[in-house]
């Protein structure tokens, strides 16, 4: 276990998302946003188990309650974490894609954290910087002035959404006109 202070200008700008284990109820770092403060500090990693925030135990709390603790904190945040034992090695292959549709994270009910989402428009060029999550990738729009990436749906997620849309449509039987 390790304890370390981290100074963030605001908890919202921390650049990490958390989740609660359905089995154990423990709070984990779900993802660290590429280029965000947590990523640049190198102190928090996806998979780290959070034990305390500012000496307040988070065991049994919902992620929303932990976020409330963070929101009420000012200045230095003190985390007590159990680091993940096997940190995944990220392959930093450059991948660029052109958006084939518009996307708004605020209108997507499936996104795990709309605040971390990145909107884009058809034709935008995106640099995919992290594909470690099979459902949600991290990307930057090019050209970009931001150092922080945003969450976008992966190609698997987009395909699933498209299938759901197709199957939700009523089938129109073709009609033949004989003359």
N, C-alpha and C. Protein backbone atom coordinates (compact mmCIF):
# COMPACT_ATOMS: atom_id res chain seq x y z
N UNK A 1 0.84 -1.16 0.00
CA UNK A 1 0.00 0.00 0.00
C UNK A 1 0.90 1.23 0.00
N UNK A 2 0.44 2.27 -0.69
CA UNK A 2 1.22 3.50 -0.66
C UNK A 2 0.28 4.68 -0.46
N UNK A 3 0.81 5.72 0.14
CA UNK A 3 0.06 6.94 0.39
C UNK A 3 0.86 8.07 -0.25
N UNK A 4 0.18 8.92 -0.99
CA UNK A 4 0.90 10.01 -1.64
C UNK A 4 -0.01 11.22 -1.81
N UNK A 5 0.58 12.43 -1.69
CA UNK A 5 -0.21 13.64 -1.93
C UNK A 5 -0.18 14.00 -3.41
N UNK A 6 -1.29 14.48 -3.90
CA UNK A 6 -1.37 14.94 -5.28
C UNK A 6 -2.08 16.29 -5.25
N UNK A 7 -1.49 17.28 -5.89
CA UNK A 7 -2.12 18.59 -5.94
C UNK A 7 -2.77 18.76 -7.31
N UNK A 8 -4.09 18.92 -7.30
CA UNK A 8 -4.84 19.16 -8.52
C UNK A 8 -5.58 20.48 -8.34
N UNK A 9 -5.65 21.30 -9.40
CA UNK A 9 -6.38 22.56 -9.27
C UNK A 9 -7.85 22.34 -8.94
N UNK A 10 -8.42 21.27 -9.44
CA UNK A 10 -9.79 20.90 -9.08
C UNK A 10 -9.92 19.40 -9.32
N UNK A 11 -10.78 18.73 -8.54
CA UNK A 11 -10.94 17.29 -8.73
C UNK A 11 -11.46 16.94 -10.12
N UNK A 12 -12.21 17.82 -10.75
CA UNK A 12 -12.75 17.55 -12.07
C UNK A 12 -11.63 17.42 -13.09
N UNK A 13 -10.54 18.18 -12.89
CA UNK A 13 -9.43 18.19 -13.85
C UNK A 13 -8.41 17.09 -13.57
N UNK A 14 -8.74 16.15 -12.70
CA UNK A 14 -7.79 15.13 -12.30
C UNK A 14 -7.40 14.21 -13.46
N UNK A 15 -8.32 13.91 -14.34
CA UNK A 15 -8.00 13.09 -15.50
C UNK A 15 -8.03 11.60 -15.24
N UNK A 16 -8.95 11.15 -14.39
CA UNK A 16 -9.11 9.73 -14.12
C UNK A 16 -10.58 9.45 -13.84
N UNK A 17 -11.00 8.22 -14.12
CA UNK A 17 -12.35 7.80 -13.76
C UNK A 17 -12.24 6.62 -12.81
N UNK A 18 -13.28 6.43 -12.00
CA UNK A 18 -13.27 5.34 -11.02
C UNK A 18 -14.48 4.44 -11.24
N UNK A 19 -14.38 3.23 -10.70
CA UNK A 19 -15.50 2.29 -10.77
C UNK A 19 -15.52 1.48 -9.48
N UNK A 20 -16.66 0.85 -9.22
CA UNK A 20 -16.82 0.01 -8.04
C UNK A 20 -16.94 -1.44 -8.50
N UNK A 21 -16.21 -2.33 -7.85
CA UNK A 21 -16.30 -3.75 -8.17
C UNK A 21 -17.65 -4.28 -7.70
N UNK A 22 -18.37 -4.94 -8.61
CA UNK A 22 -19.66 -5.53 -8.25
C UNK A 22 -19.50 -6.68 -7.26
N UNK A 23 -18.34 -7.33 -7.28
CA UNK A 23 -18.11 -8.49 -6.42
C UNK A 23 -17.66 -8.07 -5.02
N UNK A 24 -16.63 -7.21 -4.95
CA UNK A 24 -16.04 -6.86 -3.66
C UNK A 24 -16.51 -5.53 -3.11
N UNK A 25 -17.05 -4.66 -3.95
CA UNK A 25 -17.47 -3.33 -3.51
C UNK A 25 -16.33 -2.34 -3.41
N UNK A 26 -15.12 -2.77 -3.79
CA UNK A 26 -13.96 -1.89 -3.70
C UNK A 26 -13.96 -0.89 -4.85
N UNK A 27 -13.33 0.26 -4.61
CA UNK A 27 -13.24 1.33 -5.61
C UNK A 27 -11.89 1.23 -6.31
N UNK A 28 -11.94 1.23 -7.64
CA UNK A 28 -10.74 1.13 -8.46
C UNK A 28 -10.65 2.32 -9.41
N UNK A 29 -9.43 2.62 -9.84
CA UNK A 29 -9.24 3.57 -10.93
C UNK A 29 -9.62 2.82 -12.20
N UNK A 30 -10.64 3.30 -12.90
CA UNK A 30 -11.11 2.62 -14.11
C UNK A 30 -10.22 2.94 -15.29
N UNK A 31 -9.88 4.21 -15.43
CA UNK A 31 -9.00 4.62 -16.52
C UNK A 31 -8.34 5.92 -16.15
N UNK A 32 -7.17 6.12 -16.70
CA UNK A 32 -6.45 7.38 -16.56
C UNK A 32 -6.46 8.01 -17.95
N UNK A 33 -6.96 9.24 -18.02
CA UNK A 33 -7.09 9.92 -19.30
C UNK A 33 -5.72 10.34 -19.81
N UNK A 34 -5.40 9.90 -21.02
CA UNK A 34 -4.11 10.19 -21.65
C UNK A 34 -3.89 11.70 -21.71
N UNK A 35 -2.76 12.16 -21.16
CA UNK A 35 -2.42 13.57 -21.17
C UNK A 35 -2.99 14.37 -20.02
N UNK A 36 -3.86 13.76 -19.21
CA UNK A 36 -4.44 14.45 -18.06
C UNK A 36 -3.43 14.55 -16.92
N UNK A 37 -3.80 15.25 -15.85
CA UNK A 37 -2.88 15.45 -14.73
C UNK A 37 -2.48 14.14 -14.07
N UNK A 38 -3.43 13.22 -13.91
CA UNK A 38 -3.10 11.93 -13.29
C UNK A 38 -2.10 11.16 -14.15
N UNK A 39 -2.27 11.23 -15.46
CA UNK A 39 -1.35 10.56 -16.39
C UNK A 39 0.04 11.19 -16.32
N UNK A 40 0.08 12.51 -16.35
CA UNK A 40 1.37 13.21 -16.34
C UNK A 40 2.11 13.03 -15.01
N UNK A 41 1.36 12.91 -13.90
CA UNK A 41 2.02 12.71 -12.60
C UNK A 41 2.59 11.31 -12.48
N UNK A 42 1.96 10.34 -13.15
CA UNK A 42 2.42 8.96 -13.09
C UNK A 42 2.12 8.26 -11.77
N UNK A 43 1.27 8.87 -10.93
CA UNK A 43 1.01 8.30 -9.61
C UNK A 43 -0.22 7.38 -9.57
N UNK A 44 -1.18 7.62 -10.41
CA UNK A 44 -2.37 6.77 -10.46
C UNK A 44 -2.37 5.99 -11.76
N UNK A 45 -2.80 4.73 -11.67
CA UNK A 45 -2.83 3.86 -12.85
C UNK A 45 -4.15 3.09 -12.87
N UNK A 46 -4.62 2.79 -14.06
CA UNK A 46 -5.84 1.99 -14.19
C UNK A 46 -5.64 0.67 -13.46
N UNK A 47 -6.61 0.32 -12.62
CA UNK A 47 -6.52 -0.92 -11.84
C UNK A 47 -6.08 -0.71 -10.40
N UNK A 48 -5.51 0.46 -10.07
CA UNK A 48 -5.15 0.74 -8.68
C UNK A 48 -6.41 0.75 -7.82
N UNK A 49 -6.31 0.14 -6.62
CA UNK A 49 -7.45 0.13 -5.70
C UNK A 49 -7.33 1.30 -4.75
N UNK A 50 -8.36 2.12 -4.66
CA UNK A 50 -8.35 3.29 -3.78
C UNK A 50 -8.89 2.87 -2.42
N UNK A 51 -8.09 3.11 -1.38
CA UNK A 51 -8.47 2.76 0.00
C UNK A 51 -9.04 3.98 0.72
N UNK A 52 -8.34 5.12 0.59
CA UNK A 52 -8.76 6.36 1.26
C UNK A 52 -8.54 7.56 0.35
N UNK A 53 -9.36 8.57 0.55
CA UNK A 53 -9.17 9.88 -0.07
C UNK A 53 -9.19 10.89 1.06
N UNK A 54 -8.07 11.61 1.24
CA UNK A 54 -7.94 12.59 2.33
C UNK A 54 -8.28 11.96 3.69
N UNK A 55 -7.73 10.78 3.95
CA UNK A 55 -7.91 10.02 5.19
C UNK A 55 -9.35 9.55 5.41
N UNK A 56 -10.18 9.63 4.41
CA UNK A 56 -11.56 9.16 4.51
C UNK A 56 -11.67 7.82 3.80
N UNK A 57 -11.99 6.74 4.52
CA UNK A 57 -12.09 5.42 3.88
C UNK A 57 -13.23 5.40 2.86
N UNK A 58 -12.96 4.78 1.71
CA UNK A 58 -13.97 4.73 0.64
C UNK A 58 -14.59 3.35 0.50
N UNK A 59 -14.23 2.42 1.37
CA UNK A 59 -14.79 1.07 1.30
C UNK A 59 -16.30 1.12 1.46
N UNK A 60 -17.01 0.45 0.56
CA UNK A 60 -18.47 0.39 0.61
C UNK A 60 -19.18 1.58 0.00
N UNK A 61 -18.44 2.59 -0.42
CA UNK A 61 -19.07 3.76 -1.02
C UNK A 61 -19.32 3.54 -2.51
N UNK A 62 -20.28 4.26 -3.03
CA UNK A 62 -20.53 4.28 -4.47
C UNK A 62 -19.55 5.26 -5.10
N UNK A 63 -19.22 5.08 -6.39
CA UNK A 63 -18.32 6.03 -7.05
C UNK A 63 -18.80 7.48 -6.94
N UNK A 64 -20.11 7.70 -7.00
CA UNK A 64 -20.65 9.06 -6.90
C UNK A 64 -20.32 9.67 -5.54
N UNK A 65 -20.33 8.86 -4.48
CA UNK A 65 -19.99 9.36 -3.14
C UNK A 65 -18.51 9.71 -3.05
N UNK A 66 -17.66 8.92 -3.69
CA UNK A 66 -16.23 9.22 -3.71
C UNK A 66 -15.98 10.51 -4.48
N UNK A 67 -16.69 10.68 -5.59
CA UNK A 67 -16.56 11.91 -6.38
C UNK A 67 -17.00 13.11 -5.56
N UNK A 68 -18.03 12.95 -4.74
CA UNK A 68 -18.49 14.04 -3.86
C UNK A 68 -17.41 14.41 -2.85
N UNK A 69 -16.71 13.41 -2.30
CA UNK A 69 -15.59 13.68 -1.38
C UNK A 69 -14.52 14.48 -2.11
N UNK A 70 -14.21 14.07 -3.33
CA UNK A 70 -13.20 14.79 -4.12
C UNK A 70 -13.66 16.21 -4.44
N UNK A 71 -14.94 16.38 -4.75
CA UNK A 71 -15.46 17.69 -5.11
C UNK A 71 -15.41 18.66 -3.93
N UNK A 72 -15.55 18.13 -2.72
CA UNK A 72 -15.52 18.98 -1.53
C UNK A 72 -14.10 19.27 -1.06
N UNK A 73 -13.12 18.61 -1.64
CA UNK A 73 -11.72 18.80 -1.26
C UNK A 73 -11.12 19.96 -2.03
N UNK A 74 -10.20 20.65 -1.39
CA UNK A 74 -9.51 21.78 -2.03
C UNK A 74 -8.02 21.63 -1.84
N UNK A 75 -7.25 22.00 -2.84
CA UNK A 75 -5.79 21.96 -2.73
C UNK A 75 -5.26 20.56 -2.89
N UNK A 76 -4.53 20.09 -1.88
CA UNK A 76 -3.87 18.79 -1.95
C UNK A 76 -4.86 17.66 -1.68
N UNK A 77 -4.83 16.67 -2.56
CA UNK A 77 -5.61 15.46 -2.35
C UNK A 77 -4.65 14.37 -1.90
N UNK A 78 -5.02 13.65 -0.86
CA UNK A 78 -4.18 12.55 -0.36
C UNK A 78 -4.90 11.24 -0.67
N UNK A 79 -4.24 10.40 -1.47
CA UNK A 79 -4.79 9.10 -1.82
C UNK A 79 -4.01 8.01 -1.11
N UNK A 80 -4.72 7.01 -0.62
CA UNK A 80 -4.10 5.79 -0.14
C UNK A 80 -4.56 4.71 -1.10
N UNK A 81 -3.61 4.11 -1.83
CA UNK A 81 -3.96 3.15 -2.87
C UNK A 81 -3.15 1.87 -2.74
N UNK A 82 -3.73 0.80 -3.24
CA UNK A 82 -3.00 -0.46 -3.42
C UNK A 82 -2.74 -0.54 -4.92
N UNK A 83 -1.46 -0.44 -5.31
CA UNK A 83 -1.17 -0.43 -6.75
C UNK A 83 -1.51 -1.76 -7.40
N UNK A 84 -1.90 -1.68 -8.66
CA UNK A 84 -2.14 -2.88 -9.45
C UNK A 84 -0.80 -3.61 -9.58
N UNK A 85 -0.82 -4.92 -9.46
CA UNK A 85 0.44 -5.67 -9.48
C UNK A 85 1.02 -5.79 -10.88
N UNK A 86 0.18 -6.05 -11.86
CA UNK A 86 0.66 -6.19 -13.23
C UNK A 86 0.15 -5.03 -14.07
N UNK A 87 0.98 -4.04 -14.25
CA UNK A 87 0.58 -2.90 -15.08
C UNK A 87 0.67 -3.30 -16.54
N UNK A 88 -0.40 -3.05 -17.30
CA UNK A 88 -0.36 -3.40 -18.72
C UNK A 88 0.64 -2.52 -19.47
N UNK A 89 1.34 -3.13 -20.39
CA UNK A 89 2.26 -2.38 -21.24
C UNK A 89 1.47 -1.92 -22.45
N UNK A 90 1.41 -0.60 -22.63
CA UNK A 90 0.64 -0.05 -23.74
C UNK A 90 1.50 0.04 -24.98
N UNK A 91 0.98 -0.50 -26.06
CA UNK A 91 1.63 -0.37 -27.35
C UNK A 91 1.22 0.98 -27.92
N UNK A 92 2.17 1.88 -28.08
CA UNK A 92 1.86 3.24 -28.53
C UNK A 92 1.93 3.35 -30.05
N UNK A 93 1.18 2.49 -30.72
CA UNK A 93 1.09 2.55 -32.17
C UNK A 93 0.24 3.76 -32.54
N UNK A 94 0.72 4.54 -33.49
CA UNK A 94 -0.04 5.70 -33.94
C UNK A 94 -1.19 5.23 -34.81
N UNK A 95 -2.39 5.67 -34.49
CA UNK A 95 -3.56 5.32 -35.28
C UNK A 95 -4.37 6.59 -35.51
N UNK A 96 -4.65 6.87 -36.75
CA UNK A 96 -5.45 8.04 -37.11
C UNK A 96 -6.68 7.56 -37.85
N UNK A 97 -7.83 8.15 -37.54
CA UNK A 97 -9.08 7.78 -38.19
C UNK A 97 -9.83 9.04 -38.60
N UNK A 98 -10.65 8.91 -39.62
CA UNK A 98 -11.54 10.00 -40.02
C UNK A 98 -12.95 9.61 -39.58
N UNK A 99 -13.60 10.51 -38.86
CA UNK A 99 -14.95 10.24 -38.37
C UNK A 99 -15.94 10.16 -39.52
N UNK A 100 -16.75 9.13 -39.51
CA UNK A 100 -17.75 8.92 -40.56
C UNK A 100 -19.14 9.37 -40.11
N UNK A 101 -19.23 9.89 -38.87
CA UNK A 101 -20.52 10.35 -38.34
C UNK A 101 -20.24 11.36 -37.23
N UNK A 102 -21.26 12.11 -36.85
CA UNK A 102 -21.17 13.02 -35.71
C UNK A 102 -21.34 12.20 -34.43
N UNK A 103 -20.72 12.68 -33.34
CA UNK A 103 -20.86 12.00 -32.05
C UNK A 103 -20.88 13.05 -30.94
N UNK A 104 -21.82 12.89 -30.01
CA UNK A 104 -21.91 13.76 -28.84
C UNK A 104 -21.98 12.90 -27.59
N UNK A 105 -20.99 12.99 -26.70
CA UNK A 105 -21.02 12.16 -25.48
C UNK A 105 -22.20 12.51 -24.56
N UNK A 106 -22.68 13.75 -24.61
CA UNK A 106 -23.81 14.14 -23.76
C UNK A 106 -25.10 13.45 -24.18
N UNK A 107 -25.17 12.98 -25.42
CA UNK A 107 -26.37 12.30 -25.89
C UNK A 107 -26.23 10.78 -25.86
N UNK A 108 -25.09 10.29 -25.40
CA UNK A 108 -24.82 8.85 -25.36
C UNK A 108 -25.02 8.35 -23.94
N UNK A 109 -26.06 7.56 -23.73
CA UNK A 109 -26.34 7.04 -22.39
C UNK A 109 -25.40 5.92 -21.99
N UNK A 110 -24.66 5.35 -22.94
CA UNK A 110 -23.78 4.22 -22.65
C UNK A 110 -22.38 4.63 -22.22
N UNK A 111 -21.98 5.89 -22.44
CA UNK A 111 -20.62 6.30 -22.12
C UNK A 111 -20.42 6.27 -20.60
N UNK A 112 -19.29 5.72 -20.13
CA UNK A 112 -19.09 5.59 -18.69
C UNK A 112 -18.91 6.92 -17.97
N UNK A 113 -18.44 7.95 -18.67
CA UNK A 113 -18.22 9.26 -18.05
C UNK A 113 -18.36 10.32 -19.13
N UNK A 114 -19.54 10.92 -19.23
CA UNK A 114 -19.80 11.89 -20.30
C UNK A 114 -18.86 13.09 -20.21
N UNK A 115 -18.47 13.46 -18.98
CA UNK A 115 -17.56 14.61 -18.81
C UNK A 115 -16.21 14.35 -19.45
N UNK A 116 -15.80 13.09 -19.52
CA UNK A 116 -14.52 12.75 -20.14
C UNK A 116 -14.66 12.46 -21.63
N UNK A 117 -15.87 12.50 -22.14
CA UNK A 117 -16.12 12.21 -23.55
C UNK A 117 -15.67 13.34 -24.46
N UNK A 118 -15.44 13.00 -25.71
CA UNK A 118 -15.03 13.98 -26.71
C UNK A 118 -16.01 13.97 -27.87
N UNK A 119 -16.60 15.12 -28.14
CA UNK A 119 -17.51 15.24 -29.28
C UNK A 119 -16.68 15.39 -30.55
N UNK A 120 -17.22 14.86 -31.66
CA UNK A 120 -16.57 15.07 -32.95
C UNK A 120 -17.63 15.11 -34.03
N UNK A 121 -17.22 15.61 -35.19
CA UNK A 121 -18.14 15.73 -36.32
C UNK A 121 -17.63 14.90 -37.49
N UNK A 122 -18.53 14.55 -38.36
CA UNK A 122 -18.18 13.79 -39.56
C UNK A 122 -17.07 14.53 -40.30
N UNK A 123 -16.02 13.79 -40.66
CA UNK A 123 -14.89 14.37 -41.38
C UNK A 123 -13.72 14.75 -40.50
N UNK A 124 -13.93 14.85 -39.17
CA UNK A 124 -12.83 15.18 -38.26
C UNK A 124 -11.78 14.08 -38.29
N UNK A 125 -10.51 14.46 -38.16
CA UNK A 125 -9.42 13.49 -38.07
C UNK A 125 -9.08 13.33 -36.59
N UNK A 126 -9.08 12.09 -36.13
CA UNK A 126 -8.83 11.78 -34.72
C UNK A 126 -7.57 10.94 -34.59
N UNK A 127 -6.76 11.25 -33.58
CA UNK A 127 -5.60 10.43 -33.24
C UNK A 127 -6.01 9.55 -32.06
N UNK A 128 -6.00 8.25 -32.26
CA UNK A 128 -6.34 7.31 -31.19
C UNK A 128 -5.07 7.11 -30.35
N UNK A 129 -5.14 7.49 -29.07
CA UNK A 129 -3.94 7.42 -28.23
C UNK A 129 -3.98 6.26 -27.24
N UNK A 130 -5.16 5.65 -27.02
CA UNK A 130 -5.25 4.53 -26.09
C UNK A 130 -6.42 3.64 -26.50
N UNK A 131 -6.11 2.36 -26.79
CA UNK A 131 -7.13 1.38 -27.17
C UNK A 131 -7.22 0.25 -26.14
N UNK A 132 -6.74 0.48 -24.92
CA UNK A 132 -6.69 -0.60 -23.93
C UNK A 132 -8.09 -1.05 -23.50
N UNK A 133 -9.09 -0.19 -23.59
CA UNK A 133 -10.47 -0.56 -23.29
C UNK A 133 -11.13 -0.96 -24.60
N UNK A 134 -11.71 -2.15 -24.65
CA UNK A 134 -12.31 -2.64 -25.89
C UNK A 134 -13.54 -1.84 -26.30
N UNK A 135 -14.18 -1.15 -25.35
CA UNK A 135 -15.41 -0.43 -25.66
C UNK A 135 -15.22 1.07 -25.85
N UNK A 136 -14.27 1.66 -25.13
CA UNK A 136 -14.09 3.12 -25.15
C UNK A 136 -12.63 3.46 -25.34
N UNK A 137 -12.32 4.12 -26.43
CA UNK A 137 -10.95 4.53 -26.73
C UNK A 137 -10.74 5.96 -26.27
N UNK A 138 -9.46 6.32 -26.16
CA UNK A 138 -9.10 7.70 -25.87
C UNK A 138 -8.50 8.30 -27.14
N UNK A 139 -8.94 9.52 -27.47
CA UNK A 139 -8.51 10.13 -28.72
C UNK A 139 -8.36 11.64 -28.56
N UNK A 140 -7.63 12.21 -29.52
CA UNK A 140 -7.49 13.67 -29.64
C UNK A 140 -7.91 14.05 -31.05
N UNK A 141 -8.54 15.20 -31.17
CA UNK A 141 -8.89 15.71 -32.49
C UNK A 141 -7.68 16.44 -33.05
N UNK A 142 -7.43 16.25 -34.34
CA UNK A 142 -6.29 16.91 -34.98
C UNK A 142 -6.79 18.03 -35.88
N UNK A 143 -6.11 19.14 -35.95
CA UNK A 143 -5.02 19.54 -35.06
C UNK A 143 -5.56 19.85 -33.67
N UNK A 144 -4.76 19.61 -32.64
CA UNK A 144 -5.22 19.76 -31.27
C UNK A 144 -4.34 20.71 -30.49
N UNK A 145 -4.98 21.55 -29.69
CA UNK A 145 -4.24 22.40 -28.76
C UNK A 145 -4.30 21.81 -27.36
N UNK A 146 -5.15 20.80 -27.16
CA UNK A 146 -5.31 20.17 -25.85
C UNK A 146 -4.30 19.04 -25.67
N UNK A 147 -3.76 18.93 -24.47
CA UNK A 147 -2.87 17.81 -24.16
C UNK A 147 -3.67 16.61 -23.68
N UNK A 148 -4.92 16.83 -23.29
CA UNK A 148 -5.74 15.79 -22.70
C UNK A 148 -6.63 15.13 -23.76
N UNK A 149 -6.68 13.82 -23.73
CA UNK A 149 -7.52 13.06 -24.66
C UNK A 149 -8.95 12.98 -24.12
N UNK A 150 -9.86 12.54 -24.95
CA UNK A 150 -11.24 12.34 -24.55
C UNK A 150 -11.70 10.95 -24.92
N UNK A 151 -12.77 10.49 -24.29
CA UNK A 151 -13.31 9.16 -24.57
C UNK A 151 -14.20 9.20 -25.81
N UNK A 152 -14.00 8.21 -26.68
CA UNK A 152 -14.86 8.03 -27.85
C UNK A 152 -15.23 6.55 -27.93
N UNK A 153 -16.34 6.22 -28.57
CA UNK A 153 -16.69 4.80 -28.70
C UNK A 153 -15.70 4.09 -29.63
N UNK A 154 -15.33 2.88 -29.26
CA UNK A 154 -14.45 2.07 -30.12
C UNK A 154 -15.24 1.60 -31.33
N UNK A 155 -14.54 1.04 -32.29
CA UNK A 155 -15.24 0.52 -33.47
C UNK A 155 -16.20 -0.60 -33.07
N UNK A 156 -15.83 -1.42 -32.07
CA UNK A 156 -16.74 -2.48 -31.60
C UNK A 156 -18.03 -1.88 -31.04
N UNK A 157 -17.90 -0.81 -30.26
CA UNK A 157 -19.06 -0.16 -29.68
C UNK A 157 -19.94 0.45 -30.77
N UNK A 158 -19.31 1.09 -31.75
CA UNK A 158 -20.08 1.68 -32.85
C UNK A 158 -20.82 0.62 -33.65
N UNK A 159 -20.17 -0.51 -33.90
CA UNK A 159 -20.83 -1.61 -34.63
C UNK A 159 -22.04 -2.13 -33.85
N UNK A 160 -21.87 -2.29 -32.53
CA UNK A 160 -22.96 -2.77 -31.70
C UNK A 160 -24.13 -1.78 -31.73
N UNK A 161 -23.83 -0.49 -31.63
CA UNK A 161 -24.88 0.53 -31.68
C UNK A 161 -25.61 0.50 -33.02
N UNK A 162 -24.85 0.31 -34.09
CA UNK A 162 -25.46 0.26 -35.43
C UNK A 162 -26.37 -0.95 -35.55
N UNK A 163 -25.93 -2.12 -35.05
CA UNK A 163 -26.77 -3.33 -35.08
C UNK A 163 -28.05 -3.11 -34.28
N UNK A 164 -27.92 -2.50 -33.09
CA UNK A 164 -29.10 -2.24 -32.27
C UNK A 164 -30.08 -1.32 -33.00
N UNK A 165 -29.54 -0.33 -33.69
CA UNK A 165 -30.38 0.59 -34.46
C UNK A 165 -31.10 -0.16 -35.58
N UNK A 166 -30.36 -0.96 -36.33
CA UNK A 166 -30.98 -1.70 -37.44
C UNK A 166 -32.09 -2.61 -36.95
N UNK A 167 -31.83 -3.35 -35.86
CA UNK A 167 -32.83 -4.29 -35.36
C UNK A 167 -34.03 -3.59 -34.73
N UNK A 168 -33.87 -2.33 -34.34
CA UNK A 168 -35.00 -1.61 -33.74
C UNK A 168 -35.95 -1.06 -34.80
N UNK A 169 -35.54 -1.05 -36.06
CA UNK A 169 -36.37 -0.53 -37.15
C UNK A 169 -37.39 -1.59 -37.57
N UNK A 170 -38.58 -1.13 -37.91
CA UNK A 170 -39.60 -2.06 -38.38
C UNK A 170 -39.28 -2.46 -39.81
N UNK A 171 -39.53 -3.72 -40.09
CA UNK A 171 -39.22 -4.26 -41.41
C UNK A 171 -40.32 -3.86 -42.40
N UNK A 172 -39.92 -3.34 -43.53
CA UNK A 172 -40.86 -2.97 -44.59
C UNK A 172 -40.78 -4.04 -45.68
N UNK A 173 -41.86 -4.78 -45.87
CA UNK A 173 -41.88 -5.80 -46.92
C UNK A 173 -41.82 -5.12 -48.28
N UNK A 174 -40.98 -5.61 -49.17
CA UNK A 174 -40.95 -5.02 -50.50
C UNK A 174 -42.25 -5.36 -51.25
N UNK A 175 -42.71 -4.43 -52.02
CA UNK A 175 -43.91 -4.67 -52.81
C UNK A 175 -43.56 -4.67 -54.28
N UNK A 176 -44.17 -5.57 -54.99
CA UNK A 176 -43.95 -5.66 -56.43
C UNK A 176 -45.20 -5.17 -57.13
N UNK A 177 -45.00 -4.40 -58.12
CA UNK A 177 -46.13 -3.90 -58.91
C UNK A 177 -46.10 -4.59 -60.26
N UNK A 178 -47.17 -5.30 -60.57
CA UNK A 178 -47.26 -5.98 -61.86
C UNK A 178 -48.04 -5.08 -62.81
N UNK A 179 -47.51 -4.94 -63.97
CA UNK A 179 -48.22 -4.12 -64.96
C UNK A 179 -48.72 -4.95 -66.11
